[in-house]
Amino acid sequence: MIAVKRLIEILEEELGKVIELHEIGYETVWLMHEEIDERLVPIHVIAHLADPIICESANYTDEKGDYYTLIVVETGNIENYEVLLKNDEVVKQSEQEDSI
């Protein structure tokens, strides 16, 4: 549930309002390397990971209808790799060096 916590933190900072836990959607998916969109998660971030790769996703729709999604990939590094989308467009991505 790391993605849920992080999405709430990010949105509260960005939107300046309290987001309730019950307003957040959540899922965990297991993906093979070839199923991951390289525009969202660069190959070098996941190259060292074995299949399947576990990704968490949390989402929220605000009162204006804007849809926010946070994808979190545990990479084995200290920080997880995160991708934030708004209305399916990348807003922010982690900056990670090549894998260990």
N, C-alpha and C. Protein backbone atom coordinates (compact mmCIF):
# COMPACT_ATOMS: atom_id res chain seq x y z
N MET A 1 0.81 -1.19 0.00
CA MET A 1 0.00 0.00 0.00
C MET A 1 0.86 1.26 0.00
N ILE A 2 2.10 1.10 -0.42
CA ILE A 2 3.01 2.24 -0.52
C ILE A 2 2.46 3.27 -1.49
N ALA A 3 1.91 2.81 -2.60
CA ALA A 3 1.39 3.72 -3.63
C ALA A 3 0.25 4.58 -3.08
N VAL A 4 -0.61 4.01 -2.27
CA VAL A 4 -1.73 4.76 -1.70
C VAL A 4 -1.20 5.88 -0.81
N LYS A 5 -0.30 5.55 0.08
CA LYS A 5 0.27 6.54 1.00
C LYS A 5 0.97 7.65 0.22
N ARG A 6 1.77 7.28 -0.76
CA ARG A 6 2.51 8.27 -1.55
C ARG A 6 1.56 9.15 -2.37
N LEU A 7 0.52 8.56 -2.97
CA LEU A 7 -0.41 9.36 -3.76
C LEU A 7 -1.13 10.38 -2.87
N ILE A 8 -1.54 9.96 -1.69
CA ILE A 8 -2.19 10.89 -0.76
C ILE A 8 -1.23 12.02 -0.41
N GLU A 9 0.03 11.70 -0.10
CA GLU A 9 1.03 12.73 0.22
C GLU A 9 1.20 13.72 -0.93
N ILE A 10 1.36 13.19 -2.13
CA ILE A 10 1.60 14.02 -3.31
C ILE A 10 0.39 14.92 -3.59
N LEU A 11 -0.81 14.34 -3.57
CA LEU A 11 -2.01 15.11 -3.90
C LEU A 11 -2.33 16.16 -2.84
N GLU A 12 -2.12 15.82 -1.58
CA GLU A 12 -2.37 16.81 -0.54
C GLU A 12 -1.44 18.01 -0.70
N GLU A 13 -0.21 17.74 -1.11
CA GLU A 13 0.74 18.83 -1.35
C GLU A 13 0.36 19.61 -2.61
N GLU A 14 0.04 18.91 -3.69
CA GLU A 14 -0.28 19.55 -4.97
C GLU A 14 -1.63 20.27 -4.95
N LEU A 15 -2.65 19.63 -4.38
CA LEU A 15 -4.00 20.17 -4.42
C LEU A 15 -4.35 21.00 -3.19
N GLY A 16 -3.55 20.85 -2.13
CA GLY A 16 -3.79 21.62 -0.92
C GLY A 16 -5.05 21.24 -0.18
N LYS A 17 -5.42 19.97 -0.25
CA LYS A 17 -6.61 19.51 0.47
C LYS A 17 -6.38 18.10 0.99
N VAL A 18 -7.14 17.72 1.99
CA VAL A 18 -7.03 16.39 2.58
C VAL A 18 -7.74 15.38 1.68
N ILE A 19 -7.03 14.31 1.39
CA ILE A 19 -7.58 13.21 0.59
C ILE A 19 -7.85 12.05 1.54
N GLU A 20 -9.06 11.56 1.55
CA GLU A 20 -9.44 10.44 2.43
C GLU A 20 -9.02 9.12 1.79
N LEU A 21 -8.63 8.17 2.62
CA LEU A 21 -8.19 6.87 2.16
C LEU A 21 -9.24 6.18 1.28
N HIS A 22 -10.51 6.28 1.65
CA HIS A 22 -11.57 5.60 0.90
C HIS A 22 -11.78 6.20 -0.50
N GLU A 23 -11.17 7.35 -0.79
CA GLU A 23 -11.28 7.99 -2.10
C GLU A 23 -10.23 7.47 -3.10
N ILE A 24 -9.31 6.66 -2.61
CA ILE A 24 -8.20 6.17 -3.42
C ILE A 24 -8.47 4.73 -3.87
N GLY A 25 -8.29 4.50 -5.18
CA GLY A 25 -8.35 3.13 -5.71
C GLY A 25 -6.96 2.53 -5.67
N TYR A 26 -6.87 1.20 -5.61
CA TYR A 26 -5.56 0.55 -5.43
C TYR A 26 -5.54 -0.81 -6.11
N GLU A 27 -4.41 -1.15 -6.69
CA GLU A 27 -4.21 -2.51 -7.18
C GLU A 27 -2.72 -2.82 -7.24
N THR A 28 -2.45 -4.11 -7.14
CA THR A 28 -1.09 -4.61 -7.33
C THR A 28 -1.12 -5.52 -8.55
N VAL A 29 -0.15 -5.32 -9.44
CA VAL A 29 -0.09 -6.15 -10.65
C VAL A 29 1.31 -6.75 -10.77
N TRP A 30 1.35 -7.92 -11.36
CA TRP A 30 2.61 -8.59 -11.66
C TRP A 30 2.78 -8.54 -13.17
N LEU A 31 3.88 -7.96 -13.61
CA LEU A 31 4.11 -7.78 -15.04
C LEU A 31 5.43 -8.41 -15.46
N MET A 32 5.45 -8.90 -16.68
CA MET A 32 6.70 -9.39 -17.27
C MET A 32 7.41 -8.17 -17.88
N HIS A 33 8.71 -8.26 -18.06
CA HIS A 33 9.47 -7.14 -18.61
C HIS A 33 8.83 -6.57 -19.87
N GLU A 34 8.44 -7.44 -20.78
CA GLU A 34 7.92 -6.98 -22.07
C GLU A 34 6.54 -6.31 -21.96
N GLU A 35 5.89 -6.44 -20.82
CA GLU A 35 4.57 -5.82 -20.62
C GLU A 35 4.66 -4.39 -20.07
N ILE A 36 5.84 -3.98 -19.65
CA ILE A 36 5.99 -2.66 -19.03
C ILE A 36 6.28 -1.61 -20.10
N ASP A 37 5.51 -0.53 -20.07
CA ASP A 37 5.65 0.57 -21.02
C ASP A 37 6.94 1.34 -20.71
N GLU A 38 7.88 1.32 -21.64
CA GLU A 38 9.19 1.96 -21.45
C GLU A 38 9.08 3.47 -21.31
N ARG A 39 7.98 4.06 -21.76
CA ARG A 39 7.78 5.51 -21.59
C ARG A 39 7.49 5.84 -20.12
N LEU A 40 6.99 4.84 -19.39
CA LEU A 40 6.68 5.04 -17.98
C LEU A 40 7.81 4.58 -17.07
N VAL A 41 8.39 3.43 -17.40
CA VAL A 41 9.48 2.87 -16.60
C VAL A 41 10.61 2.47 -17.55
N PRO A 42 11.70 3.24 -17.55
CA PRO A 42 12.82 2.93 -18.44
C PRO A 42 13.39 1.54 -18.18
N ILE A 43 13.86 0.91 -19.24
CA ILE A 43 14.43 -0.44 -19.16
C ILE A 43 15.53 -0.54 -18.11
N HIS A 44 16.41 0.46 -18.03
CA HIS A 44 17.53 0.36 -17.09
C HIS A 44 17.07 0.28 -15.63
N VAL A 45 15.86 0.74 -15.35
CA VAL A 45 15.34 0.71 -13.98
C VAL A 45 14.96 -0.72 -13.57
N ILE A 46 14.50 -1.52 -14.54
CA ILE A 46 14.00 -2.87 -14.23
C ILE A 46 14.85 -4.00 -14.79
N ALA A 47 15.90 -3.67 -15.52
CA ALA A 47 16.69 -4.70 -16.21
C ALA A 47 17.22 -5.78 -15.28
N HIS A 48 17.56 -5.41 -14.07
CA HIS A 48 18.16 -6.36 -13.12
C HIS A 48 17.11 -7.18 -12.36
N LEU A 49 15.85 -6.87 -12.53
CA LEU A 49 14.79 -7.57 -11.79
C LEU A 49 14.33 -8.83 -12.52
N ALA A 50 13.99 -9.85 -11.76
CA ALA A 50 13.46 -11.09 -12.34
C ALA A 50 11.96 -10.93 -12.61
N ASP A 51 11.46 -11.66 -13.60
CA ASP A 51 10.02 -11.70 -13.86
C ASP A 51 9.34 -12.55 -12.80
N PRO A 52 8.15 -12.25 -12.38
CA PRO A 52 7.40 -11.04 -12.71
C PRO A 52 7.84 -9.88 -11.83
N ILE A 53 7.61 -8.68 -12.35
CA ILE A 53 7.91 -7.45 -11.62
C ILE A 53 6.62 -6.99 -10.96
N ILE A 54 6.70 -6.71 -9.67
CA ILE A 54 5.51 -6.31 -8.92
C ILE A 54 5.40 -4.79 -8.93
N CYS A 55 4.25 -4.31 -9.37
CA CYS A 55 3.98 -2.87 -9.42
C CYS A 55 2.71 -2.58 -8.64
N GLU A 56 2.73 -1.48 -7.90
CA GLU A 56 1.54 -1.01 -7.21
C GLU A 56 1.01 0.20 -7.95
N SER A 57 -0.30 0.34 -7.94
CA SER A 57 -0.93 1.47 -8.60
C SER A 57 -2.02 2.02 -7.69
N ALA A 58 -2.06 3.35 -7.55
CA ALA A 58 -3.11 4.00 -6.78
C ALA A 58 -3.68 5.11 -7.65
N ASN A 59 -5.00 5.34 -7.55
CA ASN A 59 -5.60 6.36 -8.39
C ASN A 59 -6.65 7.16 -7.63
N TYR A 60 -6.92 8.35 -8.15
CA TYR A 60 -7.85 9.28 -7.51
C TYR A 60 -8.44 10.17 -8.59
N THR A 61 -9.73 10.43 -8.52
CA THR A 61 -10.39 11.38 -9.40
C THR A 61 -10.90 12.54 -8.56
N ASP A 62 -10.50 13.76 -8.94
CA ASP A 62 -10.93 14.92 -8.16
C ASP A 62 -12.30 15.42 -8.63
N GLU A 63 -12.79 16.47 -7.97
CA GLU A 63 -14.13 16.98 -8.26
C GLU A 63 -14.25 17.58 -9.65
N LYS A 64 -13.13 17.92 -10.30
CA LYS A 64 -13.15 18.44 -11.67
C LYS A 64 -13.10 17.33 -12.71
N GLY A 65 -12.93 16.09 -12.24
CA GLY A 65 -12.85 14.96 -13.15
C GLY A 65 -11.43 14.61 -13.57
N ASP A 66 -10.43 15.30 -13.01
CA ASP A 66 -9.04 14.96 -13.32
C ASP A 66 -8.69 13.66 -12.62
N TYR A 67 -8.03 12.76 -13.36
CA TYR A 67 -7.72 11.41 -12.90
C TYR A 67 -6.22 11.30 -12.66
N TYR A 68 -5.83 11.02 -11.43
CA TYR A 68 -4.42 10.90 -11.05
C TYR A 68 -4.09 9.43 -10.80
N THR A 69 -2.95 8.99 -11.31
CA THR A 69 -2.48 7.64 -11.08
C THR A 69 -1.02 7.69 -10.66
N LEU A 70 -0.69 6.95 -9.61
CA LEU A 70 0.70 6.79 -9.19
C LEU A 70 1.06 5.33 -9.33
N ILE A 71 2.14 5.07 -10.06
CA ILE A 71 2.66 3.71 -10.22
C ILE A 71 3.98 3.63 -9.46
N VAL A 72 4.11 2.61 -8.62
CA VAL A 72 5.32 2.42 -7.83
C VAL A 72 5.91 1.06 -8.17
N VAL A 73 7.19 1.05 -8.52
CA VAL A 73 7.92 -0.18 -8.83
C VAL A 73 9.04 -0.33 -7.81
N GLU A 74 9.03 -1.44 -7.08
CA GLU A 74 10.12 -1.71 -6.15
C GLU A 74 11.29 -2.26 -6.95
N THR A 75 12.41 -1.55 -6.90
CA THR A 75 13.55 -1.89 -7.75
C THR A 75 14.72 -2.52 -7.01
N GLY A 76 14.63 -2.56 -5.69
CA GLY A 76 15.76 -3.05 -4.91
C GLY A 76 16.69 -1.93 -4.50
N ASN A 77 16.47 -0.74 -5.01
CA ASN A 77 17.24 0.43 -4.58
C ASN A 77 16.59 1.01 -3.32
N ILE A 78 17.25 1.95 -2.70
CA ILE A 78 16.71 2.56 -1.49
C ILE A 78 15.36 3.20 -1.76
N GLU A 79 15.25 3.93 -2.85
CA GLU A 79 14.00 4.58 -3.23
C GLU A 79 13.29 3.75 -4.30
N ASN A 80 11.97 3.64 -4.18
CA ASN A 80 11.19 2.99 -5.23
C ASN A 80 11.12 3.90 -6.44
N TYR A 81 10.85 3.32 -7.61
CA TYR A 81 10.66 4.11 -8.81
C TYR A 81 9.19 4.50 -8.87
N GLU A 82 8.90 5.80 -9.08
CA GLU A 82 7.53 6.29 -9.10
C GLU A 82 7.25 7.04 -10.39
N VAL A 83 6.02 6.86 -10.88
CA VAL A 83 5.54 7.59 -12.04
C VAL A 83 4.17 8.15 -11.68
N LEU A 84 4.00 9.47 -11.80
CA LEU A 84 2.73 10.11 -11.54
C LEU A 84 2.12 10.56 -12.86
N LEU A 85 0.86 10.16 -13.08
CA LEU A 85 0.14 10.57 -14.28
C LEU A 85 -1.09 11.38 -13.89
N LYS A 86 -1.42 12.33 -14.73
CA LYS A 86 -2.67 13.08 -14.59
C LYS A 86 -3.38 12.95 -15.92
N ASN A 87 -4.57 12.39 -15.90
CA ASN A 87 -5.34 12.16 -17.13
C ASN A 87 -4.50 11.40 -18.16
N ASP A 88 -3.79 10.38 -17.69
CA ASP A 88 -2.97 9.48 -18.50
C ASP A 88 -1.74 10.12 -19.15
N GLU A 89 -1.36 11.30 -18.69
CA GLU A 89 -0.14 11.95 -19.16
C GLU A 89 0.87 11.99 -18.02
N VAL A 90 2.14 11.67 -18.31
CA VAL A 90 3.17 11.68 -17.27
C VAL A 90 3.39 13.11 -16.77
N VAL A 91 3.29 13.27 -15.46
CA VAL A 91 3.51 14.56 -14.81
C VAL A 91 4.88 14.57 -14.14
N LYS A 92 5.24 13.43 -13.54
CA LYS A 92 6.49 13.35 -12.78
C LYS A 92 6.98 11.91 -12.78
N GLN A 93 8.29 11.73 -12.91
CA GLN A 93 8.92 10.42 -12.83
C GLN A 93 10.13 10.50 -11.92
N SER A 94 10.41 9.40 -11.25
CA SER A 94 11.63 9.32 -10.44
C SER A 94 12.84 9.49 -11.33
N GLU A 95 13.88 10.03 -10.75
CA GLU A 95 15.15 10.10 -11.46
C GLU A 95 16.06 9.11 -10.78
N GLN A 96 16.26 7.97 -11.42
CA GLN A 96 17.12 6.93 -10.85
C GLN A 96 18.28 6.66 -11.76
N GLU A 97 19.39 6.45 -11.15
CA GLU A 97 20.59 6.06 -11.90
C GLU A 97 20.41 4.62 -12.37
N ASP A 98 21.35 4.15 -13.15
CA ASP A 98 21.30 2.75 -13.59
C ASP A 98 21.19 1.83 -12.40
N SER A 99 20.64 0.65 -12.63
CA SER A 99 20.42 -0.31 -11.55
C SER A 99 21.73 -0.75 -10.92
N ILE A 100 21.60 -1.29 -9.68
CA ILE A 100 22.78 -1.75 -8.96
C ILE A 100 23.24 -3.09 -9.47
